[in-house]
Amino acid sequence: MGVAVYFVAVIFRTSLGVAGLDAADRFHVNASALAAFSLLQLLVYAGMQIPVGLMVDRLGTKKVLTLGAVLFTVGQLGFALSPSYGMALAARALLGCGDAMTFISVLRLGTRWFPARRGPLMAQLAGLVGMAGNLVSTLVLAPVLHGVGWTAAFAGSAVAGLVVLVPLVLFLKDHPEGYGPAPAARGGAGAGGFVRRQIRESWAEPGTRLGLWVHFTTQFPAMVFLLLWGMPFLVEAQGLSRTTAGGLLTLVVASNMALGLVYGQAVGRRQSARIPLALGTVGLTALLWAAVLAYPGDTAPMWLLITLCLVLGGCGPASMIGFDFARPANPAQRQGTASGITNMGGFIASMTTLLTVGVLLDATGDNYRIAFSTVFVLEALGVSQILRLRRRALAREAEPERLSRACPLPDAAGREGA
C-alpha cells in the first residue's frame, strides 16, 4: 500500500516531463519560466524533507502518507484546471508538498516491516515501483494528453490519488503488532527541543552526510532529463520526433527498473560495493554526457543517445545507496529524519540544474551543449565530498555499537535480529 501511494506520487511528479512543450504553449512562457514549474515543485519537495522526516518519527507513517496523498491529489487536479501560469505554479507547489511525504514514509515502512539485511533491496524495490510510475507518465499520460487535451488528461489522472487513498486509510499499519519503535526522548524543551535534537544528532553522523552527498551526486542527471529537459533536448537539439523522444525517455525508466534490482542485490550482499557503485555510475554518466555534447556535427547518432539513456537508468538505483549509509548510522527513532536529510541531496542538485539549464538556454539562444555542461560542475562537487567523507563514515559504521544495533523484527531464533 505504501509503494502504491509512492507510485501515484511519481506519476504526478513526472507528468510535466511529457507535457513540457504543451505547458509552454498553454501558459505562453519561455524556457526559464517553464523550468520554474519543476524548480518550485522540487524546492518544496527538498524543503519538506527534514520536516517530513520529523513528522514520520513523531506521528507515524500512516498519518503522514494520508496527508501526502490528499495534497498531491488536490495539486494534480488544480494543475489540470489552472487558467493561468500563477495558479498552475501554486498547484505544482501543493503537489510537491504531498509528494515530499511519500518516499520517506515508504522507507520507514521498510525498516519497520523487514529485517535490516533486506534494507538495501527494499529501498531499491520501492524506487523500482516509483520508476514504474514514471513509465506510466511516458507511455500512458503522453498519448492521452495529446488525444483528449490538457484538462481531461490531468484531471483524469488525479483519480488515481483517490484510488490509493481509500485502502491507505482503511488498512495500512505502521509496523507489525508489538514491534513499534521506542519513543524518542523529548527532554524538557518540548517540540522545539525534539526537532533540534533529531536534526543535530542525525547530521552529526558522518554516514548521514555521506548519504546526502551520494544522493546529491548520483540522482540529478536522470531526474533533470526525465522531469523536464529530456524531451526538449531530444526534440529541439537532436531533431527527433516526439514519439522517438518518448521512446528514449521510456528506455531510461526501463533501464532504471532493471538496474535497481541489480544494485539492490549487490549492496545487500556486499556492503563494500556501495562506494564503487556510486562513483562508477557518476563517472559513466559524465563520460556519456560528454560524448553526446561534444559529438561533432549538429546531432549525436542514435546509438549514442540510446547508450546515454541506458546509463542514465543507473542514476536512480545509485542514489538509493545514499540511504544505505544513513540507515545504519542512525537508530530507529531517527530513521525518518536521517532519510529526509539524505533525500534532500539529489533534489537540491536537481533544482540547481533545472534552473541553470533554463537560464543558460535563454541566455545562449537554446544552446543545449552549454546548458547541459552544468551536469559536470555538480558531479565534480559531489564526488569531492564523497571522497572527503567516506573514510570517516565507514570507520564510524564499523564500530561495535553500530554493528549490534537491533532490528525491530525477530530473527529465526526468536531473538532481535542485528
Protein backbone atom coordinates (compact mmCIF):
# COMPACT_ATOMS: atom_id res chain seq x y z
CA MET A 1 0.00 0.00 0.00
CA GLY A 2 2.86 2.36 0.76
CA VAL A 3 4.58 1.84 -2.57
CA ALA A 4 1.20 2.19 -4.33
CA VAL A 5 0.93 5.70 -2.92
CA TYR A 6 4.52 6.42 -3.98
CA PHE A 7 3.75 5.02 -7.46
CA VAL A 8 0.93 7.54 -7.94
CA ALA A 9 3.03 10.37 -6.50
CA VAL A 10 5.73 9.71 -9.10
CA ILE A 11 3.16 9.70 -11.91
CA PHE A 12 2.03 13.15 -10.79
CA ARG A 13 5.61 14.38 -10.19
CA THR A 14 6.84 13.36 -13.65
CA SER A 15 3.68 14.23 -15.59
CA LEU A 16 5.17 17.60 -16.53
CA GLY A 17 8.15 15.84 -18.12
CA VAL A 18 5.99 14.63 -21.03
CA ALA A 19 3.98 17.88 -21.12
CA GLY A 20 6.76 20.47 -21.02
CA LEU A 21 6.26 21.71 -24.56
CA ASP A 22 2.46 21.68 -24.12
CA ALA A 23 2.80 23.67 -20.89
CA ALA A 24 4.95 26.27 -22.64
CA ASP A 25 2.25 26.70 -25.29
CA ARG A 26 -0.67 26.65 -22.84
CA PHE A 27 0.76 29.27 -20.49
CA HIS A 28 2.81 31.20 -23.10
CA VAL A 29 6.12 31.00 -21.20
CA ASN A 30 9.81 30.75 -22.14
CA ALA A 31 12.38 28.17 -21.02
CA SER A 32 13.18 29.85 -17.68
CA ALA A 33 9.51 30.18 -16.75
CA LEU A 34 8.90 26.59 -17.82
CA ALA A 35 11.76 25.45 -15.59
CA ALA A 36 10.08 27.31 -12.70
CA PHE A 37 7.32 24.67 -12.65
CA SER A 38 9.71 21.85 -11.85
CA LEU A 39 12.00 24.11 -9.82
CA LEU A 40 9.23 25.20 -7.47
CA GLN A 41 7.95 21.65 -7.16
CA LEU A 42 11.41 20.38 -6.25
CA LEU A 43 12.09 23.36 -4.00
CA VAL A 44 9.02 22.50 -1.96
CA TYR A 45 9.94 18.80 -2.06
CA ALA A 46 13.51 19.37 -0.85
CA GLY A 47 12.46 21.94 1.74
CA MET A 48 9.93 19.50 3.17
CA GLN A 49 12.31 16.56 3.60
CA ILE A 50 13.52 17.31 7.13
CA PRO A 51 10.04 18.40 8.37
CA VAL A 52 8.56 15.23 6.85
CA GLY A 53 11.25 13.08 8.46
CA LEU A 54 10.46 14.64 11.82
CA MET A 55 6.73 14.12 11.25
CA VAL A 56 7.29 10.45 10.39
CA ASP A 57 9.43 9.93 13.50
CA ARG A 58 6.87 11.63 15.73
CA LEU A 59 3.44 10.94 14.17
CA GLY A 60 3.99 7.64 12.37
CA THR A 61 3.83 6.65 8.73
CA LYS A 62 0.09 6.31 8.14
CA LYS A 63 -0.82 9.87 9.12
CA VAL A 64 1.95 11.39 7.02
CA LEU A 65 1.20 9.23 3.97
CA THR A 66 -2.50 10.07 4.18
CA LEU A 67 -1.84 13.80 4.29
CA GLY A 68 0.60 13.47 1.39
CA ALA A 69 -1.92 11.60 -0.77
CA VAL A 70 -4.56 14.26 -0.17
CA LEU A 71 -2.18 17.10 -1.02
CA PHE A 72 -0.72 15.64 -4.22
CA THR A 73 -4.18 14.68 -5.48
CA VAL A 74 -5.51 18.19 -4.94
CA GLY A 75 -2.35 19.59 -6.55
CA GLN A 76 -2.72 17.45 -9.68
CA LEU A 77 -6.38 18.39 -10.02
CA GLY A 78 -5.53 22.06 -9.54
CA PHE A 79 -2.87 21.83 -12.25
CA ALA A 80 -5.46 20.42 -14.64
CA LEU A 81 -7.89 23.27 -14.02
CA SER A 82 -5.46 26.19 -13.68
CA PRO A 83 -6.35 29.00 -16.11
CA SER A 84 -3.12 30.94 -15.54
CA TYR A 85 0.60 30.43 -15.04
CA GLY A 86 0.48 31.67 -11.44
CA MET A 87 -2.28 29.28 -10.39
CA ALA A 88 -0.51 26.41 -12.15
CA LEU A 89 2.65 27.22 -10.16
CA ALA A 90 0.67 27.12 -6.91
CA ALA A 91 -0.80 23.74 -7.90
CA ARG A 92 2.66 22.27 -8.59
CA ALA A 93 3.88 23.56 -5.22
CA LEU A 94 0.99 21.79 -3.48
CA LEU A 95 1.74 18.65 -5.45
CA GLY A 96 5.39 18.85 -4.43
CA CYS A 97 4.39 19.16 -0.78
CA GLY A 98 2.30 16.00 -0.93
CA ASP A 99 4.91 14.15 -2.98
CA ALA A 100 7.54 15.01 -0.35
CA MET A 101 5.65 12.98 2.24
CA THR A 102 5.65 9.68 0.34
CA PHE A 103 9.14 8.26 -0.15
CA ILE A 104 10.45 8.87 3.37
CA SER A 105 7.29 7.22 4.71
CA VAL A 106 7.78 4.20 2.45
CA LEU A 107 11.41 3.84 3.57
CA ARG A 108 10.24 3.94 7.18
CA LEU A 109 7.70 1.19 6.46
CA GLY A 110 10.51 -0.91 5.00
CA THR A 111 12.67 -0.55 8.11
CA ARG A 112 9.74 -1.47 10.38
CA TRP A 113 8.41 -4.47 8.41
CA PHE A 114 11.62 -6.13 7.16
CA PRO A 115 14.95 -7.24 8.70
CA ALA A 116 17.86 -4.81 8.40
CA ARG A 117 19.75 -7.06 5.94
CA ARG A 118 16.93 -6.56 3.45
CA GLY A 119 17.07 -2.77 3.73
CA PRO A 120 19.03 -2.11 0.50
CA LEU A 121 16.81 -4.40 -1.57
CA MET A 122 13.58 -2.99 -0.12
CA ALA A 123 14.71 0.58 -0.86
CA GLN A 124 15.58 -0.39 -4.44
CA LEU A 125 12.23 -2.15 -4.88
CA ALA A 126 10.43 0.96 -3.67
CA GLY A 127 12.43 3.02 -6.15
CA LEU A 128 11.63 0.49 -8.89
CA VAL A 129 7.89 0.87 -8.29
CA GLY A 130 8.35 4.63 -8.36
CA MET A 131 10.05 4.39 -11.74
CA ALA A 132 7.11 2.33 -12.95
CA GLY A 133 5.06 5.45 -12.22
CA ASN A 134 7.46 7.38 -14.45
CA LEU A 135 6.86 4.75 -17.12
CA VAL A 136 3.11 5.34 -16.87
CA SER A 137 3.68 9.06 -17.42
CA THR A 138 5.67 8.37 -20.56
CA LEU A 139 3.62 5.55 -22.08
CA VAL A 140 0.10 6.41 -20.93
CA LEU A 141 -0.21 10.06 -19.97
CA ALA A 142 1.68 11.41 -23.01
CA PRO A 143 -0.64 9.88 -25.65
CA VAL A 144 -3.73 10.60 -23.54
CA LEU A 145 -2.63 14.24 -23.24
CA HIS A 146 -2.33 14.58 -26.99
CA GLY A 147 -5.59 12.71 -27.52
CA VAL A 148 -8.05 14.29 -25.08
CA GLY A 149 -6.34 17.54 -24.16
CA TRP A 150 -4.75 19.12 -21.12
CA THR A 151 -7.67 19.40 -18.68
CA ALA A 152 -9.14 15.95 -19.28
CA ALA A 153 -5.76 14.20 -19.10
CA PHE A 154 -4.55 15.78 -15.86
CA ALA A 155 -7.95 15.74 -14.14
CA GLY A 156 -8.45 12.11 -15.11
CA SER A 157 -5.06 11.15 -13.71
CA ALA A 158 -5.97 12.79 -10.38
CA VAL A 159 -8.50 9.97 -9.83
CA ALA A 160 -5.55 7.65 -9.14
CA GLY A 161 -4.89 9.61 -5.95
CA LEU A 162 -8.33 8.72 -4.63
CA VAL A 163 -7.86 5.08 -5.60
CA VAL A 164 -4.80 4.66 -3.36
CA LEU A 165 -6.12 6.88 -0.58
CA VAL A 166 -9.02 4.58 0.36
CA PRO A 167 -7.04 1.38 1.20
CA LEU A 168 -4.36 3.53 2.81
CA VAL A 169 -6.84 4.98 5.30
CA LEU A 170 -8.64 1.69 5.90
CA PHE A 171 -5.86 -0.89 6.13
CA LEU A 172 -2.30 0.40 6.45
CA LYS A 173 -0.39 -0.34 9.68
CA ASP A 174 2.83 1.43 10.64
CA HIS A 175 4.54 -1.70 11.95
CA PRO A 176 3.92 -5.34 12.96
CA GLU A 177 1.97 -5.79 16.15
CA GLY A 178 4.28 -5.45 19.13
CA TYR A 179 7.26 -4.10 17.22
CA GLY A 180 6.74 -0.37 17.35
CA PRO A 181 9.83 1.84 17.69
CA ALA A 182 10.86 3.06 21.11
CA PRO A 183 9.54 6.58 21.68
CA ALA A 184 12.15 9.26 21.20
CA ALA A 185 13.11 11.03 24.39
CA ARG A 186 11.81 14.60 24.17
CA GLY A 187 13.54 16.15 27.16
CA GLY A 188 12.21 19.29 28.74
CA ALA A 189 12.30 21.59 25.73
CA GLY A 190 9.06 20.37 24.16
CA ALA A 191 8.58 20.04 20.42
CA GLY A 192 11.32 22.55 19.64
CA GLY A 193 13.87 20.57 21.61
CA PHE A 194 12.80 17.35 19.90
CA VAL A 195 13.23 18.89 16.45
CA ARG A 196 16.64 20.39 17.18
CA ARG A 197 17.91 17.20 18.79
CA GLN A 198 16.73 14.98 15.93
CA ILE A 199 18.36 17.17 13.30
CA ARG A 200 21.56 17.75 15.28
CA GLU A 201 22.12 14.10 16.13
CA SER A 202 21.27 12.89 12.61
CA TRP A 203 23.58 15.45 10.98
CA ALA A 204 26.39 14.65 13.43
CA GLU A 205 26.66 11.18 11.91
CA PRO A 206 29.17 11.07 9.01
CA GLY A 207 27.02 8.35 7.43
CA THR A 208 24.09 10.77 7.14
CA ARG A 209 26.23 13.41 5.47
CA LEU A 210 27.84 10.87 3.15
CA GLY A 211 24.37 9.59 2.24
CA LEU A 212 23.28 13.13 1.34
CA TRP A 213 26.27 13.65 -0.98
CA VAL A 214 25.90 10.26 -2.64
CA HIS A 215 22.25 11.09 -3.32
CA PHE A 216 23.22 14.60 -4.49
CA THR A 217 25.81 13.37 -6.98
CA THR A 218 24.03 10.37 -8.48
CA GLN A 219 20.36 11.26 -8.81
CA PHE A 220 20.13 14.60 -10.60
CA PRO A 221 21.33 13.81 -14.18
CA ALA A 222 18.43 11.42 -14.77
CA MET A 223 15.97 13.46 -12.70
CA VAL A 224 16.56 16.60 -14.78
CA PHE A 225 16.36 14.60 -18.01
CA LEU A 226 13.09 12.87 -17.11
CA LEU A 227 11.42 15.66 -15.21
CA LEU A 228 11.71 18.43 -17.77
CA TRP A 229 14.65 18.87 -20.14
CA GLY A 230 14.94 15.43 -21.77
CA MET A 231 12.03 15.86 -24.18
CA PRO A 232 13.00 19.39 -25.34
CA PHE A 233 16.66 18.31 -25.71
CA LEU A 234 15.81 15.28 -27.83
CA VAL A 235 13.23 17.10 -29.97
CA GLU A 236 14.78 20.54 -30.40
CA ALA A 237 18.51 19.82 -30.14
CA GLN A 238 18.65 16.29 -31.57
CA GLY A 239 15.88 16.64 -34.15
CA LEU A 240 13.89 13.59 -33.04
CA SER A 241 10.13 13.23 -33.25
CA ARG A 242 8.13 13.32 -30.02
CA THR A 243 7.38 9.62 -30.42
CA THR A 244 11.04 8.68 -30.73
CA ALA A 245 12.00 11.00 -27.87
CA GLY A 246 9.28 9.45 -25.72
CA GLY A 247 10.74 6.02 -26.51
CA LEU A 248 14.16 7.14 -25.28
CA LEU A 249 12.65 8.51 -22.06
CA THR A 250 10.95 5.15 -21.62
CA LEU A 251 14.32 3.47 -22.10
CA VAL A 252 15.75 5.48 -19.17
CA VAL A 253 12.91 4.27 -16.97
CA ALA A 254 13.22 0.64 -18.12
CA SER A 255 16.96 0.69 -17.51
CA ASN A 256 16.36 2.16 -14.05
CA MET A 257 13.95 -0.62 -13.16
CA ALA A 258 16.30 -3.37 -14.35
CA LEU A 259 19.40 -1.90 -12.68
CA GLY A 260 17.52 -1.25 -9.42
CA LEU A 261 17.30 -4.99 -8.74
CA VAL A 262 20.97 -5.48 -9.61
CA TYR A 263 22.15 -2.65 -7.36
CA GLY A 264 19.90 -3.77 -4.51
CA GLN A 265 21.19 -7.34 -4.59
CA ALA A 266 24.82 -6.21 -4.93
CA VAL A 267 24.68 -3.83 -1.96
CA GLY A 268 22.63 -6.25 0.15
CA ARG A 269 25.24 -8.98 -0.30
CA ARG A 270 28.40 -6.86 -0.20
CA GLN A 271 28.38 -3.53 1.63
CA SER A 272 31.83 -2.73 0.26
CA ALA A 273 30.22 -2.34 -3.19
CA ARG A 274 28.44 0.88 -2.19
CA ILE A 275 31.17 3.44 -2.94
CA PRO A 276 32.41 1.75 -6.16
CA LEU A 277 28.85 1.50 -7.50
CA ALA A 278 28.07 5.13 -6.70
CA LEU A 279 31.30 6.57 -8.10
CA GLY A 280 31.25 4.24 -11.09
CA THR A 281 27.76 5.40 -12.01
CA VAL A 282 28.80 9.06 -11.72
CA GLY A 283 31.88 8.50 -13.89
CA LEU A 284 29.99 6.62 -16.58
CA THR A 285 27.23 9.24 -16.64
CA ALA A 286 29.74 12.05 -17.05
CA LEU A 287 31.54 10.15 -19.83
CA LEU A 288 28.35 9.56 -21.84
CA TRP A 289 27.11 13.13 -21.41
CA ALA A 290 30.49 14.41 -22.58
CA ALA A 291 30.37 12.13 -25.61
CA VAL A 292 26.88 13.32 -26.59
CA LEU A 293 27.52 17.02 -26.04
CA ALA A 294 30.96 17.02 -27.71
CA TYR A 295 29.96 14.88 -30.69
CA PRO A 296 30.95 16.64 -33.93
CA GLY A 297 28.04 17.71 -36.07
CA ASP A 298 24.61 19.03 -35.23
CA THR A 299 23.20 15.85 -33.67
CA ALA A 300 24.52 12.74 -31.96
CA PRO A 301 23.89 9.33 -33.58
CA MET A 302 21.01 7.25 -32.29
CA TRP A 303 23.28 4.54 -30.86
CA LEU A 304 24.99 7.12 -28.65
CA LEU A 305 21.67 8.57 -27.43
CA ILE A 306 20.47 5.05 -26.62
CA THR A 307 23.65 4.36 -24.66
CA LEU A 308 23.24 7.63 -22.76
CA CYS A 309 19.67 6.70 -21.80
CA LEU A 310 20.74 3.23 -20.66
CA VAL A 311 23.44 4.75 -18.45
CA LEU A 312 21.08 7.41 -17.04
CA GLY A 313 18.94 4.50 -15.87
CA GLY A 314 21.60 3.74 -13.26
CA CYS A 315 21.30 7.15 -11.60
CA GLY A 316 18.16 6.31 -9.60
CA PRO A 317 19.46 2.98 -8.21
CA ALA A 318 22.81 4.61 -7.38
CA SER A 319 21.07 7.38 -5.46
CA MET A 320 19.41 4.77 -3.23
CA ILE A 321 22.87 3.83 -1.98
CA GLY A 322 22.82 7.11 -0.05
CA PHE A 323 20.14 5.68 2.24
CA ASP A 324 22.32 2.62 2.82
CA PHE A 325 24.85 4.91 4.50
CA ALA A 326 22.30 6.88 6.55
CA ARG A 327 20.32 3.83 7.69
CA PRO A 328 23.00 2.02 9.77
CA ALA A 329 24.30 5.33 11.12
CA ASN A 330 21.06 6.16 12.96
CA PRO A 331 18.77 4.33 15.43
CA ALA A 332 15.15 3.53 14.58
CA GLN A 333 13.73 6.66 16.21
CA ARG A 334 15.86 8.86 13.90
CA GLN A 335 15.37 6.97 10.64
CA GLY A 336 12.80 9.41 9.26
CA THR A 337 14.90 12.48 9.98
CA ALA A 338 18.09 10.92 8.62
CA SER A 339 16.33 9.73 5.47
CA GLY A 340 14.87 13.21 4.98
CA ILE A 341 18.33 14.79 5.18
CA THR A 342 19.71 12.25 2.71
CA ASN A 343 16.81 12.68 0.31
CA MET A 344 17.41 16.43 0.12
CA GLY A 345 20.69 15.90 -1.68
CA GLY A 346 19.52 14.80 -5.10
CA PHE A 347 16.65 17.24 -5.18
CA ILE A 348 18.86 20.20 -4.32
CA ALA A 349 21.14 19.19 -7.21
CA SER A 350 18.14 18.71 -9.49
CA MET A 351 16.71 22.13 -8.63
CA THR A 352 20.04 23.80 -9.27
CA THR A 353 20.45 22.09 -12.62
CA LEU A 354 16.86 22.65 -13.75
CA LEU A 355 17.13 26.37 -13.15
CA THR A 356 20.64 26.74 -14.55
CA VAL A 357 19.80 24.88 -17.75
CA GLY A 358 16.73 27.07 -18.31
CA VAL A 359 18.65 30.29 -17.69
CA LEU A 360 21.54 29.22 -19.95
CA LEU A 361 19.15 28.18 -22.73
CA ASP A 362 17.58 31.64 -22.70
CA ALA A 363 20.97 33.36 -22.47
CA THR A 364 22.63 31.36 -25.27
CA GLY A 365 19.76 31.09 -27.75
CA ASP A 366 18.91 27.47 -26.88
CA ASN A 367 22.48 26.14 -26.92
CA TYR A 368 21.95 22.80 -25.19
CA ARG A 369 25.65 21.93 -25.22
CA ILE A 370 26.48 24.87 -22.99
CA ALA A 371 23.36 24.49 -20.83
CA PHE A 372 23.88 20.80 -20.06
CA SER A 373 27.54 21.35 -19.13
CA THR A 374 26.13 22.24 -15.69
CA VAL A 375 25.98 18.50 -15.04
CA PHE A 376 29.78 18.21 -14.85
CA VAL A 377 30.15 21.02 -12.31
CA LEU A 378 27.73 19.47 -9.81
CA GLU A 379 29.13 15.98 -10.30
CA ALA A 380 32.64 17.25 -9.55
CA LEU A 381 31.40 18.93 -6.36
CA GLY A 382 29.59 15.82 -5.20
CA VAL A 383 32.49 13.45 -5.89
CA SER A 384 34.86 15.65 -3.89
CA GLN A 385 32.54 15.49 -0.87
CA ILE A 386 32.07 11.71 -1.16
CA LEU A 387 35.83 11.19 -1.18
CA ARG A 388 36.20 13.53 1.80
CA LEU A 389 33.60 11.78 3.99
CA ARG A 390 33.85 8.12 3.05
CA ARG A 391 36.67 7.05 5.40
CA ARG A 392 35.09 8.68 8.45
CA ALA A 393 31.64 7.28 7.69
CA LEU A 394 32.86 3.73 7.08
CA ALA A 395 35.04 3.78 10.23
CA ARG A 396 32.10 5.01 12.32
CA GLU A 397 29.82 2.38 10.80
CA ALA A 398 32.26 -0.39 11.74
CA GLU A 399 32.23 0.49 15.46
CA PRO A 400 30.89 -2.37 17.63
CA GLU A 401 27.83 -0.48 18.91
CA ARG A 402 26.80 0.21 15.30
CA LEU A 403 27.10 -3.42 14.30
CA SER A 404 24.98 -4.53 17.27
CA ARG A 405 22.15 -2.06 16.70
CA ALA A 406 18.91 -4.04 16.83
CA CYS A 407 16.28 -4.52 14.14
CA PRO A 408 12.64 -4.48 15.33
CA LEU A 409 11.81 -7.83 13.70
CA PRO A 410 12.81 -11.12 15.37
CA ASP A 411 15.20 -13.44 13.56
CA ALA A 412 14.67 -17.17 13.03
CA ALA A 413 15.74 -17.98 16.59
CA GLY A 414 13.19 -15.59 18.07
CA ARG A 415 15.77 -13.03 19.11
CA GLU A 416 16.10 -9.45 17.92
CA GLY A 417 17.90 -9.59 14.56
CA ALA A 418 21.03 -7.49 14.15
